[in-house]
């Protein structure tokens, strides 16, 4: 399940940056890509929940990682939605980078 979770994250990140570039070029298919990306959000959350469920006792750092992971997904979604509306996304890019670094650190630090 760990491989499915990591693969879903990698594909979601690629789709995120592709969708951002499609939105910037005003491509009509950007909306479709955003819907596919949302499907990957659900896959990420589902595989993450299964990984968390496989642990007998859940240490607090895993709960922090879950919260920060949801924060990353939220920041990604807010960047796409606000960019589609033509609003400023600088604050959400900063949040995305910070949350992504924290979740990567926790991912490499924790044993599962």
PDB file of N, CA and C in Angstrom:
ATOM      1  N   UNK A   1       0.811  -1.194   0.000  1.00  0.00           N
ATOM      2  CA  UNK A   1       0.000   0.000   0.000  1.00  0.00           C
ATOM      3  C   UNK A   1       0.859   1.264   0.000  1.00  0.00           C
ATOM      4  N   UNK A   2       2.057   1.143   0.551  1.00  0.00           N
ATOM      5  CA  UNK A   2       2.946   2.303   0.572  1.00  0.00           C
ATOM      6  C   UNK A   2       3.306   2.735  -0.844  1.00  0.00           C
ATOM      7  N   UNK A   3       3.539   1.764  -1.723  1.00  0.00           N
ATOM      8  CA  UNK A   3       3.892   2.101  -3.100  1.00  0.00           C
ATOM      9  C   UNK A   3       2.729   2.790  -3.820  1.00  0.00           C
ATOM     10  N   UNK A   4       1.521   2.336  -3.557  1.00  0.00           N
ATOM     11  CA  UNK A   4       0.348   2.963  -4.172  1.00  0.00           C
ATOM     12  C   UNK A   4       0.197   4.399  -3.681  1.00  0.00           C
ATOM     13  N   UNK A   5       0.462   4.628  -2.409  1.00  0.00           N
ATOM     14  CA  UNK A   5       0.355   5.972  -1.842  1.00  0.00           C
ATOM     15  C   UNK A   5       1.404   6.908  -2.449  1.00  0.00           C
ATOM     16  N   UNK A   6       2.632   6.430  -2.509  1.00  0.00           N
ATOM     17  CA  UNK A   6       3.705   7.260  -3.081  1.00  0.00           C
ATOM     18  C   UNK A   6       3.461   7.517  -4.561  1.00  0.00           C
ATOM     19  N   UNK A   7       3.024   6.495  -5.295  1.00  0.00           N
ATOM     20  CA  UNK A   7       2.733   6.662  -6.721  1.00  0.00           C
ATOM     21  C   UNK A   7       1.611   7.673  -6.929  1.00  0.00           C
ATOM     22  N   UNK A   8       0.578   7.608  -6.096  1.00  0.00           N
ATOM     23  CA  UNK A   8      -0.528   8.559  -6.204  1.00  0.00           C
ATOM     24  C   UNK A   8      -0.050   9.985  -5.945  1.00  0.00           C
ATOM     25  N   UNK A   9       0.851  10.154  -4.976  1.00  0.00           N
ATOM     26  CA  UNK A   9       1.394  11.485  -4.695  1.00  0.00           C
ATOM     27  C   UNK A   9       2.208  12.012  -5.877  1.00  0.00           C
ATOM     28  N   UNK A  10       3.046  11.157  -6.433  1.00  0.00           N
ATOM     29  CA  UNK A  10       3.893  11.599  -7.556  1.00  0.00           C
ATOM     30  C   UNK A  10       3.026  11.980  -8.752  1.00  0.00           C
ATOM     31  N   UNK A  11       2.049  11.141  -9.070  1.00  0.00           N
ATOM     32  CA  UNK A  11       1.159  11.446 -10.196  1.00  0.00           C
ATOM     33  C   UNK A  11       0.368  12.723  -9.920  1.00  0.00           C
ATOM     34  N   UNK A  12      -0.102  12.898  -8.679  1.00  0.00           N
ATOM     35  CA  UNK A  12      -0.855  14.101  -8.328  1.00  0.00           C
ATOM     36  C   UNK A  12       0.007  15.357  -8.458  1.00  0.00           C
ATOM     37  N   UNK A  13       1.253  15.291  -8.046  1.00  0.00           N
ATOM     38  CA  UNK A  13       2.131  16.456  -8.182  1.00  0.00           C
ATOM     39  C   UNK A  13       2.377  16.802  -9.655  1.00  0.00           C
ATOM     40  N   UNK A  14       2.580  15.779 -10.471  1.00  0.00           N
ATOM     41  CA  UNK A  14       2.767  16.018 -11.900  1.00  0.00           C
ATOM     42  C   UNK A  14       1.506  16.633 -12.493  1.00  0.00           C
ATOM     43  N   UNK A  15       0.349  16.059 -12.172  1.00  0.00           N
ATOM     44  CA  UNK A  15      -0.919  16.599 -12.665  1.00  0.00           C
ATOM     45  C   UNK A  15      -1.152  18.020 -12.175  1.00  0.00           C
ATOM     46  N   UNK A  16      -0.751  18.303 -10.949  1.00  0.00           N
ATOM     47  CA  UNK A  16      -0.914  19.651 -10.404  1.00  0.00           C
ATOM     48  C   UNK A  16      -0.142  20.671 -11.227  1.00  0.00           C
ATOM     49  N   UNK A  17       1.130  20.392 -11.484  1.00  0.00           N
ATOM     50  CA  UNK A  17       1.925  21.351 -12.237  1.00  0.00           C
ATOM     51  C   UNK A  17       1.494  21.444 -13.698  1.00  0.00           C
ATOM     52  N   UNK A  18       1.039  20.333 -14.258  1.00  0.00           N
ATOM     53  CA  UNK A  18       0.498  20.373 -15.628  1.00  0.00           C
ATOM     54  C   UNK A  18      -0.770  21.224 -15.659  1.00  0.00           C
ATOM     55  N   UNK A  19      -1.642  21.056 -14.666  1.00  0.00           N
ATOM     56  CA  UNK A  19      -2.881  21.823 -14.605  1.00  0.00           C
ATOM     57  C   UNK A  19      -2.597  23.308 -14.419  1.00  0.00           C
ATOM     58  N   UNK A  20      -1.629  23.641 -13.576  1.00  0.00           N
ATOM     59  CA  UNK A  20      -1.265  25.050 -13.382  1.00  0.00           C
ATOM     60  C   UNK A  20      -0.787  25.660 -14.699  1.00  0.00           C
ATOM     61  N   UNK A  21       0.059  24.942 -15.416  1.00  0.00           N
ATOM     62  CA  UNK A  21       0.551  25.478 -16.688  1.00  0.00           C
ATOM     63  C   UNK A  21      -0.561  25.563 -17.724  1.00  0.00           C
ATOM     64  N   UNK A  22      -1.506  24.619 -17.713  1.00  0.00           N
ATOM     65  CA  UNK A  22      -2.634  24.676 -18.644  1.00  0.00           C
ATOM     66  C   UNK A  22      -3.550  25.860 -18.324  1.00  0.00           C
ATOM     67  N   UNK A  23      -3.728  26.139 -17.038  1.00  0.00           N
ATOM     68  CA  UNK A  23      -4.546  27.293 -16.659  1.00  0.00           C
ATOM     69  C   UNK A  23      -3.892  28.597 -17.093  1.00  0.00           C
ATOM     70  N   UNK A  24      -2.583  28.673 -16.956  1.00  0.00           N
ATOM     71  CA  UNK A  24      -1.873  29.896 -17.343  1.00  0.00           C
ATOM     72  C   UNK A  24      -1.953  30.146 -18.850  1.00  0.00           C
ATOM     73  N   UNK A  25      -2.041  29.067 -19.626  1.00  0.00           N
ATOM     74  CA  UNK A  25      -2.151  29.225 -21.078  1.00  0.00           C
ATOM     75  C   UNK A  25      -3.609  29.246 -21.546  1.00  0.00           C
ATOM     76  N   UNK A  26      -4.542  29.314 -20.593  1.00  0.00           N
ATOM     77  CA  UNK A  26      -5.978  29.372 -20.887  1.00  0.00           C
ATOM     78  C   UNK A  26      -6.457  28.201 -21.734  1.00  0.00           C
ATOM     79  N   UNK A  27      -5.957  27.027 -21.438  1.00  0.00           N
ATOM     80  CA  UNK A  27      -6.375  25.833 -22.163  1.00  0.00           C
ATOM     81  C   UNK A  27      -7.770  25.415 -21.697  1.00  0.00           C
ATOM     82  N   UNK A  28      -8.644  25.041 -22.622  1.00  0.00           N
ATOM     83  CA  UNK A  28      -9.986  24.608 -22.219  1.00  0.00           C
ATOM     84  C   UNK A  28      -9.996  23.260 -21.490  1.00  0.00           C
ATOM     85  N   UNK A  29      -8.910  22.512 -21.587  1.00  0.00           N
ATOM     86  CA  UNK A  29      -8.847  21.205 -20.936  1.00  0.00           C
ATOM     87  C   UNK A  29      -8.323  21.275 -19.501  1.00  0.00           C
ATOM     88  N   UNK A  30      -8.038  22.475 -19.012  1.00  0.00           N
ATOM     89  CA  UNK A  30      -7.530  22.629 -17.647  1.00  0.00           C
ATOM     90  C   UNK A  30      -8.564  22.169 -16.629  1.00  0.00           C
ATOM     91  N   UNK A  31      -9.826  22.421 -16.905  1.00  0.00           N
ATOM     92  CA  UNK A  31     -10.887  22.007 -15.976  1.00  0.00           C
ATOM     93  C   UNK A  31     -10.947  20.475 -15.870  1.00  0.00           C
ATOM     94  N   UNK A  32     -10.800  19.801 -16.997  1.00  0.00           N
ATOM     95  CA  UNK A  32     -10.798  18.341 -17.004  1.00  0.00           C
ATOM     96  C   UNK A  32      -9.611  17.805 -16.193  1.00  0.00           C
ATOM     97  N   UNK A  33      -8.452  18.410 -16.363  1.00  0.00           N
ATOM     98  CA  UNK A  33      -7.268  17.985 -15.620  1.00  0.00           C
ATOM     99  C   UNK A  33      -7.463  18.195 -14.122  1.00  0.00           C
ATOM    100  N   UNK A  34      -8.145  19.272 -13.763  1.00  0.00           N
ATOM    101  CA  UNK A  34      -8.400  19.534 -12.352  1.00  0.00           C
ATOM    102  C   UNK A  34      -9.318  18.467 -11.762  1.00  0.00           C
ATOM    103  N   UNK A  35     -10.277  18.003 -12.534  1.00  0.00           N
ATOM    104  CA  UNK A  35     -11.164  16.938 -12.061  1.00  0.00           C
ATOM    105  C   UNK A  35     -10.399  15.618 -11.882  1.00  0.00           C
ATOM    106  N   UNK A  36      -9.495  15.326 -12.798  1.00  0.00           N
ATOM    107  CA  UNK A  36      -8.664  14.127 -12.667  1.00  0.00           C
ATOM    108  C   UNK A  36      -7.772  14.246 -11.431  1.00  0.00           C
ATOM    109  N   UNK A  37      -7.234  15.438 -11.203  1.00  0.00           N
ATOM    110  CA  UNK A  37      -6.408  15.678 -10.023  1.00  0.00           C
ATOM    111  C   UNK A  37      -7.211  15.467  -8.747  1.00  0.00           C
ATOM    112  N   UNK A  38      -8.470  15.881  -8.744  1.00  0.00           N
ATOM    113  CA  UNK A  38      -9.320  15.676  -7.572  1.00  0.00           C
ATOM    114  C   UNK A  38      -9.549  14.190  -7.315  1.00  0.00           C
ATOM    115  N   UNK A  39      -9.626  13.409  -8.361  1.00  0.00           N
ATOM    116  CA  UNK A  39      -9.732  11.957  -8.193  1.00  0.00           C
ATOM    117  C   UNK A  39      -8.477  11.421  -7.500  1.00  0.00           C
ATOM    118  N   UNK A  40      -7.324  11.942  -7.879  1.00  0.00           N
ATOM    119  CA  UNK A  40      -6.083  11.510  -7.236  1.00  0.00           C
ATOM    120  C   UNK A  40      -6.012  11.972  -5.784  1.00  0.00           C
ATOM    121  N   UNK A  41      -6.624  13.120  -5.453  1.00  0.00           N
ATOM    122  CA  UNK A  41      -6.711  13.520  -4.048  1.00  0.00           C
ATOM    123  C   UNK A  41      -7.424  12.437  -3.254  1.00  0.00           C
ATOM    124  N   UNK A  42      -8.520  11.918  -3.802  1.00  0.00           N
ATOM    125  CA  UNK A  42      -9.279  10.879  -3.108  1.00  0.00           C
ATOM    126  C   UNK A  42      -8.464   9.591  -2.977  1.00  0.00           C
ATOM    127  N   UNK A  43      -7.715   9.256  -4.023  1.00  0.00           N
ATOM    128  CA  UNK A  43      -6.863   8.064  -3.964  1.00  0.00           C
ATOM    129  C   UNK A  43      -5.782   8.239  -2.889  1.00  0.00           C
ATOM    130  N   UNK A  44      -5.193   9.417  -2.820  1.00  0.00           N
ATOM    131  CA  UNK A  44      -4.169   9.703  -1.809  1.00  0.00           C
ATOM    132  C   UNK A  44      -4.754   9.573  -0.410  1.00  0.00           C
ATOM    133  N   UNK A  45      -5.918  10.165  -0.201  1.00  0.00           N
ATOM    134  CA  UNK A  45      -6.545  10.103   1.122  1.00  0.00           C
ATOM    135  C   UNK A  45      -6.917   8.659   1.463  1.00  0.00           C
ATOM    136  N   UNK A  46      -7.429   7.918   0.495  1.00  0.00           N
ATOM    137  CA  UNK A  46      -7.813   6.528   0.733  1.00  0.00           C
ATOM    138  C   UNK A  46      -6.626   5.641   1.065  1.00  0.00           C
ATOM    139  N   UNK A  47      -5.562   5.732   0.280  1.00  0.00           N
ATOM    140  CA  UNK A  47      -4.384   4.910   0.562  1.00  0.00           C
ATOM    141  C   UNK A  47      -3.719   5.331   1.868  1.00  0.00           C
ATOM    142  N   UNK A  48      -3.731   6.624   2.150  1.00  0.00           N
ATOM    143  CA  UNK A  48      -3.188   7.097   3.427  1.00  0.00           C
ATOM    144  C   UNK A  48      -3.980   6.579   4.608  1.00  0.00           C
ATOM    145  N   UNK A  49      -5.312   6.553   4.468  1.00  0.00           N
ATOM    146  CA  UNK A  49      -6.149   6.019   5.542  1.00  0.00           C
ATOM    147  C   UNK A  49      -5.896   4.530   5.743  1.00  0.00           C
ATOM    148  N   UNK A  50      -5.708   3.787   4.649  1.00  0.00           N
ATOM    149  CA  UNK A  50      -5.410   2.356   4.777  1.00  0.00           C
ATOM    150  C   UNK A  50      -4.047   2.127   5.430  1.00  0.00           C
ATOM    151  N   UNK A  51      -3.077   2.962   5.085  1.00  0.00           N
ATOM    152  CA  UNK A  51      -1.766   2.852   5.733  1.00  0.00           C
ATOM    153  C   UNK A  51      -1.867   3.149   7.225  1.00  0.00           C
ATOM    154  N   UNK A  52      -2.619   4.175   7.562  1.00  0.00           N
ATOM    155  CA  UNK A  52      -2.779   4.544   8.963  1.00  0.00           C
ATOM    156  C   UNK A  52      -3.537   3.453   9.726  1.00  0.00           C
ATOM    157  N   UNK A  53      -4.491   2.839   9.057  1.00  0.00           N
ATOM    158  CA  UNK A  53      -5.278   1.769   9.687  1.00  0.00           C
ATOM    159  C   UNK A  53      -4.427   0.516   9.942  1.00  0.00           C
ATOM    160  N   UNK A  54      -3.369   0.331   9.166  1.00  0.00           N
ATOM    161  CA  UNK A  54      -2.535  -0.860   9.325  1.00  0.00           C
ATOM    162  C   UNK A  54      -1.608  -0.777  10.536  1.00  0.00           C
ATOM    163  N   UNK A  55      -1.503   0.380  11.144  1.00  0.00           N
ATOM    164  CA  UNK A  55      -0.658   0.548  12.323  1.00  0.00           C
ATOM    165  C   UNK A  55      -1.458   0.157  13.563  1.00  0.00           C
ATOM    166  N   UNK A  56      -0.860  -0.636  14.440  1.00  0.00           N
ATOM    167  CA  UNK A  56      -1.556  -1.103  15.647  1.00  0.00           C
ATOM    168  C   UNK A  56      -1.855   0.060  16.592  1.00  0.00           C
ATOM    169  N   UNK A  57      -0.836   0.820  16.931  1.00  0.00           N
ATOM    170  CA  UNK A  57      -1.039   2.014  17.764  1.00  0.00           C
ATOM    171  C   UNK A  57      -0.483   3.201  16.980  1.00  0.00           C
ATOM    172  N   UNK A  58      -1.250   4.249  16.906  1.00  0.00           N
ATOM    173  CA  UNK A  58      -0.894   5.391  16.057  1.00  0.00           C
ATOM    174  C   UNK A  58      -0.145   6.439  16.880  1.00  0.00           C
ATOM    175  N   UNK A  59       1.158   6.612  16.601  1.00  0.00           N
ATOM    176  CA  UNK A  59       1.925   7.658  17.291  1.00  0.00           C
ATOM    177  C   UNK A  59       1.450   9.056  16.859  1.00  0.00           C
ATOM    178  N   UNK A  60       1.662  10.057  17.704  1.00  0.00           N
ATOM    179  CA  UNK A  60       1.190  11.410  17.403  1.00  0.00           C
ATOM    180  C   UNK A  60       1.789  12.009  16.120  1.00  0.00           C
ATOM    181  N   UNK A  61       3.017  11.638  15.777  1.00  0.00           N
ATOM    182  CA  UNK A  61       3.611  12.211  14.561  1.00  0.00           C
ATOM    183  C   UNK A  61       2.872  11.768  13.301  1.00  0.00           C
ATOM    184  N   UNK A  62       2.257  10.605  13.335  1.00  0.00           N
ATOM    185  CA  UNK A  62       1.467  10.169  12.178  1.00  0.00           C
ATOM    186  C   UNK A  62       0.222  11.034  12.028  1.00  0.00           C
ATOM    187  N   UNK A  63      -0.371  11.425  13.143  1.00  0.00           N
ATOM    188  CA  UNK A  63      -1.536  12.319  13.100  1.00  0.00           C
ATOM    189  C   UNK A  63      -1.117  13.678  12.542  1.00  0.00           C
ATOM    190  N   UNK A  64       0.051  14.167  12.961  1.00  0.00           N
ATOM    191  CA  UNK A  64       0.569  15.438  12.429  1.00  0.00           C
ATOM    192  C   UNK A  64       0.790  15.312  10.928  1.00  0.00           C
ATOM    193  N   UNK A  65       1.327  14.182  10.485  1.00  0.00           N
ATOM    194  CA  UNK A  65       1.568  13.981   9.057  1.00  0.00           C
ATOM    195  C   UNK A  65       0.256  13.967   8.278  1.00  0.00           C
ATOM    196  N   UNK A  66      -0.778  13.365   8.830  1.00  0.00           N
ATOM    197  CA  UNK A  66      -2.087  13.363   8.182  1.00  0.00           C
ATOM    198  C   UNK A  66      -2.603  14.794   8.025  1.00  0.00           C
ATOM    199  N   UNK A  67      -2.511  15.571   9.090  1.00  0.00           N
ATOM    200  CA  UNK A  67      -2.994  16.950   9.057  1.00  0.00           C
ATOM    201  C   UNK A  67      -2.213  17.775   8.033  1.00  0.00           C
ATOM    202  N   UNK A  68      -0.899  17.631   8.022  1.00  0.00           N
ATOM    203  CA  UNK A  68      -0.078  18.386   7.075  1.00  0.00           C
ATOM    204  C   UNK A  68      -0.328  17.898   5.647  1.00  0.00           C
ATOM    205  N   UNK A  69      -0.558  16.604   5.464  1.00  0.00           N
ATOM    206  CA  UNK A  69      -0.878  16.080   4.139  1.00  0.00           C
ATOM    207  C   UNK A  69      -2.172  16.652   3.596  1.00  0.00           C
ATOM    208  N   UNK A  70      -3.178  16.761   4.455  1.00  0.00           N
ATOM    209  CA  UNK A  70      -4.442  17.384   4.042  1.00  0.00           C
ATOM    210  C   UNK A  70      -4.221  18.868   3.759  1.00  0.00           C
ATOM    211  N   UNK A  71      -3.323  19.502   4.503  1.00  0.00           N
ATOM    212  CA  UNK A  71      -2.973  20.899   4.265  1.00  0.00           C
ATOM    213  C   UNK A  71      -2.347  21.063   2.873  1.00  0.00           C
ATOM    214  N   UNK A  72      -1.479  20.138   2.484  1.00  0.00           N
ATOM    215  CA  UNK A  72      -0.865  20.182   1.150  1.00  0.00           C
ATOM    216  C   UNK A  72      -1.948  20.084   0.071  1.00  0.00           C
ATOM    217  N   UNK A  73      -2.864  19.142   0.240  1.00  0.00           N
ATOM    218  CA  UNK A  73      -3.935  18.984  -0.743  1.00  0.00           C
ATOM    219  C   UNK A  73      -4.796  20.245  -0.795  1.00  0.00           C
ATOM    220  N   UNK A  74      -5.098  20.802   0.371  1.00  0.00           N
ATOM    221  CA  UNK A  74      -5.883  22.039   0.422  1.00  0.00           C
ATOM    222  C   UNK A  74      -5.182  23.200  -0.263  1.00  0.00           C
ATOM    223  N   UNK A  75      -3.885  23.314  -0.051  1.00  0.00           N
ATOM    224  CA  UNK A  75      -3.126  24.394  -0.694  1.00  0.00           C
ATOM    225  C   UNK A  75      -3.096  24.208  -2.208  1.00  0.00           C
ATOM    226  N   UNK A  76      -2.945  22.963  -2.657  1.00  0.00           N
ATOM    227  CA  UNK A  76      -2.948  22.697  -4.097  1.00  0.00           C
ATOM    228  C   UNK A  76      -4.286  23.095  -4.713  1.00  0.00           C
ATOM    229  N   UNK A  77      -5.352  22.732  -4.057  1.00  0.00           N
ATOM    230  CA  UNK A  77      -6.682  23.043  -4.572  1.00  0.00           C
ATOM    231  C   UNK A  77      -6.940  24.553  -4.569  1.00  0.00           C
ATOM    232  N   UNK A  78      -6.527  25.227  -3.509  1.00  0.00           N
ATOM    233  CA  UNK A  78      -6.739  26.678  -3.446  1.00  0.00           C
ATOM    234  C   UNK A  78      -5.925  27.407  -4.507  1.00  0.00           C
ATOM    235  N   UNK A  79      -4.730  26.925  -4.804  1.00  0.00           N
ATOM    236  CA  UNK A  79      -3.929  27.538  -5.866  1.00  0.00           C
ATOM    237  C   UNK A  79      -4.669  27.430  -7.193  1.00  0.00           C
ATOM    238  N   UNK A  80      -5.196  26.250  -7.487  1.00  0.00           N
ATOM    239  CA  UNK A  80      -5.882  26.051  -8.765  1.00  0.00           C
ATOM    240  C   UNK A  80      -7.173  26.860  -8.855  1.00  0.00           C
ATOM    241  N   UNK A  81      -7.955  26.871  -7.788  1.00  0.00           N
ATOM    242  CA  UNK A  81      -9.232  27.583  -7.815  1.00  0.00           C
ATOM    243  C   UNK A  81      -9.011  29.086  -7.915  1.00  0.00           C
ATOM    244  N   UNK A  82      -8.094  29.606  -7.111  1.00  0.00           N
ATOM    245  CA  UNK A  82      -7.858  31.060  -7.144  1.00  0.00           C
ATOM    246  C   UNK A  82      -7.202  31.492  -8.449  1.00  0.00           C
ATOM    247  N   UNK A  83      -6.349  30.644  -9.006  1.00  0.00           N
ATOM    248  CA  UNK A  83      -5.738  30.979 -10.293  1.00  0.00           C
ATOM    249  C   UNK A  83      -6.786  30.992 -11.395  1.00  0.00           C
ATOM    250  N   UNK A  84      -7.755  30.090 -11.340  1.00  0.00           N
ATOM    251  CA  UNK A  84      -8.820  30.054 -12.343  1.00  0.00           C
ATOM    252  C   UNK A  84      -9.687  31.308 -12.267  1.00  0.00           C
ATOM    253  N   UNK A  85      -9.829  31.860 -11.062  1.00  0.00           N
ATOM    254  CA  UNK A  85     -10.613  33.079 -10.881  1.00  0.00           C
ATOM    255  C   UNK A  85      -9.795  34.344 -11.117  1.00  0.00           C
ATOM    256  N   UNK A  86      -8.495  34.183 -11.352  1.00  0.00           N
ATOM    257  CA  UNK A  86      -7.630  35.336 -11.593  1.00  0.00           C
ATOM    258  C   UNK A  86      -7.207  36.060 -10.332  1.00  0.00           C
ATOM    259  N   UNK A  87      -7.285  35.404  -9.190  1.00  0.00           N
ATOM    260  CA  UNK A  87      -6.907  36.027  -7.923  1.00  0.00           C
ATOM    261  C   UNK A  87      -5.456  35.692  -7.579  1.00  0.00           C
ATOM    262  N   UNK A  88      -4.924  36.410  -6.603  1.00  0.00           N
ATOM    263  CA  UNK A  88      -3.536  36.238  -6.169  1.00  0.00           C
ATOM    264  C   UNK A  88      -3.373  34.887  -5.458  1.00  0.00           C
ATOM    265  N   UNK A  89      -2.320  34.157  -5.801  1.00  0.00           N
ATOM    266  CA  UNK A  89      -2.080  32.830  -5.209  1.00  0.00           C
ATOM    267  C   UNK A  89      -0.765  32.755  -4.445  1.00  0.00           C
ATOM    268  N   UNK A  90      -0.095  33.875  -4.244  1.00  0.00           N
ATOM    269  CA  UNK A  90       1.234  33.853  -3.613  1.00  0.00           C
ATOM    270  C   UNK A  90       1.222  33.212  -2.229  1.00  0.00           C
ATOM    271  N   UNK A  91       0.241  33.566  -1.409  1.00  0.00           N
ATOM    272  CA  UNK A  91       0.182  33.025  -0.048  1.00  0.00           C
ATOM    273  C   UNK A  91      -0.015  31.514  -0.066  1.00  0.00           C
ATOM    274  N   UNK A  92      -0.809  31.009  -1.005  1.00  0.00           N
ATOM    275  CA  UNK A  92      -1.044  29.575  -1.067  1.00  0.00           C
ATOM    276  C   UNK A  92       0.164  28.819  -1.620  1.00  0.00           C
ATOM    277  N   UNK A  93       0.940  29.460  -2.493  1.00  0.00           N
ATOM    278  CA  UNK A  93       2.185  28.830  -2.955  1.00  0.00           C
ATOM    279  C   UNK A  93       3.160  28.693  -1.789  1.00  0.00           C
ATOM    280  N   UNK A  94       3.235  29.711  -0.941  1.00  0.00           N
ATOM    281  CA  UNK A  94       4.110  29.653   0.229  1.00  0.00           C
ATOM    282  C   UNK A  94       3.656  28.538   1.169  1.00  0.00           C
ATOM    283  N   UNK A  95       2.340  28.468   1.410  1.00  0.00           N
ATOM    284  CA  UNK A  95       1.806  27.402   2.256  1.00  0.00           C
ATOM    285  C   UNK A  95       2.087  26.026   1.660  1.00  0.00           C
ATOM    286  N   UNK A  96       1.922  25.912   0.349  1.00  0.00           N
ATOM    287  CA  UNK A  96       2.170  24.642  -0.326  1.00  0.00           C
ATOM    288  C   UNK A  96       3.612  24.194  -0.123  1.00  0.00           C
ATOM    289  N   UNK A  97       4.554  25.091  -0.322  1.00  0.00           N
ATOM    290  CA  UNK A  97       5.972  24.743  -0.193  1.00  0.00           C
ATOM    291  C   UNK A  97       6.306  24.347   1.243  1.00  0.00           C
ATOM    292  N   UNK A  98       5.830  25.132   2.209  1.00  0.00           N
ATOM    293  CA  UNK A  98       6.118  24.835   3.615  1.00  0.00           C
ATOM    294  C   UNK A  98       5.506  23.496   4.020  1.00  0.00           C
ATOM    295  N   UNK A  99       4.238  23.297   3.688  1.00  0.00           N
ATOM    296  CA  UNK A  99       3.558  22.053   4.074  1.00  0.00           C
ATOM    297  C   UNK A  99       4.182  20.860   3.366  1.00  0.00           C
ATOM    298  N   UNK A 100       4.570  21.027   2.110  1.00  0.00           N
ATOM    299  CA  UNK A 100       5.177  19.925   1.370  1.00  0.00           C
ATOM    300  C   UNK A 100       6.516  19.528   1.972  1.00  0.00           C
ATOM    301  N   UNK A 101       7.317  20.506   2.375  1.00  0.00           N
ATOM    302  CA  UNK A 101       8.604  20.208   3.016  1.00  0.00           C
ATOM    303  C   UNK A 101       8.381  19.485   4.345  1.00  0.00           C
ATOM    304  N   UNK A 102       7.403  19.940   5.127  1.00  0.00           N
ATOM    305  CA  UNK A 102       7.120  19.305   6.418  1.00  0.00           C
ATOM    306  C   UNK A 102       6.639  17.870   6.215  1.00  0.00           C
ATOM    307  N   UNK A 103       5.730  17.653   5.253  1.00  0.00           N
ATOM    308  CA  UNK A 103       5.203  16.301   5.043  1.00  0.00           C
ATOM    309  C   UNK A 103       6.287  15.374   4.482  1.00  0.00           C
ATOM    310  N   UNK A 104       7.186  15.894   3.654  1.00  0.00           N
ATOM    311  CA  UNK A 104       8.302  15.074   3.172  1.00  0.00           C
ATOM    312  C   UNK A 104       9.239  14.704   4.321  1.00  0.00           C
ATOM    313  N   UNK A 105       9.526  15.671   5.173  1.00  0.00           N
ATOM    314  CA  UNK A 105      10.388  15.405   6.313  1.00  0.00           C
ATOM    315  C   UNK A 105       9.779  14.309   7.201  1.00  0.00           C
ATOM    316  N   UNK A 106       8.487  14.455   7.510  1.00  0.00           N
ATOM    317  CA  UNK A 106       7.835  13.455   8.341  1.00  0.00           C
ATOM    318  C   UNK A 106       7.763  12.109   7.640  1.00  0.00           C
ATOM    319  N   UNK A 107       7.554  12.126   6.333  1.00  0.00           N
ATOM    320  CA  UNK A 107       7.492  10.882   5.568  1.00  0.00           C
ATOM    321  C   UNK A 107       8.796  10.127   5.594  1.00  0.00           C
ATOM    322  N   UNK A 108       9.908  10.847   5.501  1.00  0.00           N
ATOM    323  CA  UNK A 108      11.211  10.182   5.548  1.00  0.00           C
ATOM    324  C   UNK A 108      11.634   9.819   6.969  1.00  0.00           C
ATOM    325  N   UNK A 109      11.152  10.567   7.963  1.00  0.00           N
ATOM    326  CA  UNK A 109      11.532  10.330   9.346  1.00  0.00           C
ATOM    327  C   UNK A 109      10.777   9.155   9.959  1.00  0.00           C
ATOM    328  N   UNK A 110       9.493   9.032   9.639  1.00  0.00           N
ATOM    329  CA  UNK A 110       8.675   7.976  10.230  1.00  0.00           C
ATOM    330  C   UNK A 110       8.954   6.651   9.538  1.00  0.00           C
ATOM    331  N   UNK A 111       8.861   5.553  10.270  1.00  0.00           N
ATOM    332  CA  UNK A 111       9.265   4.254   9.702  1.00  0.00           C
ATOM    333  C   UNK A 111       8.327   3.694   8.625  1.00  0.00           C
ATOM    334  N   UNK A 112       7.048   4.024   8.627  1.00  0.00           N
ATOM    335  CA  UNK A 112       6.126   3.425   7.657  1.00  0.00           C
ATOM    336  C   UNK A 112       6.054   4.247   6.383  1.00  0.00           C
TER     337      UNK A 112
END
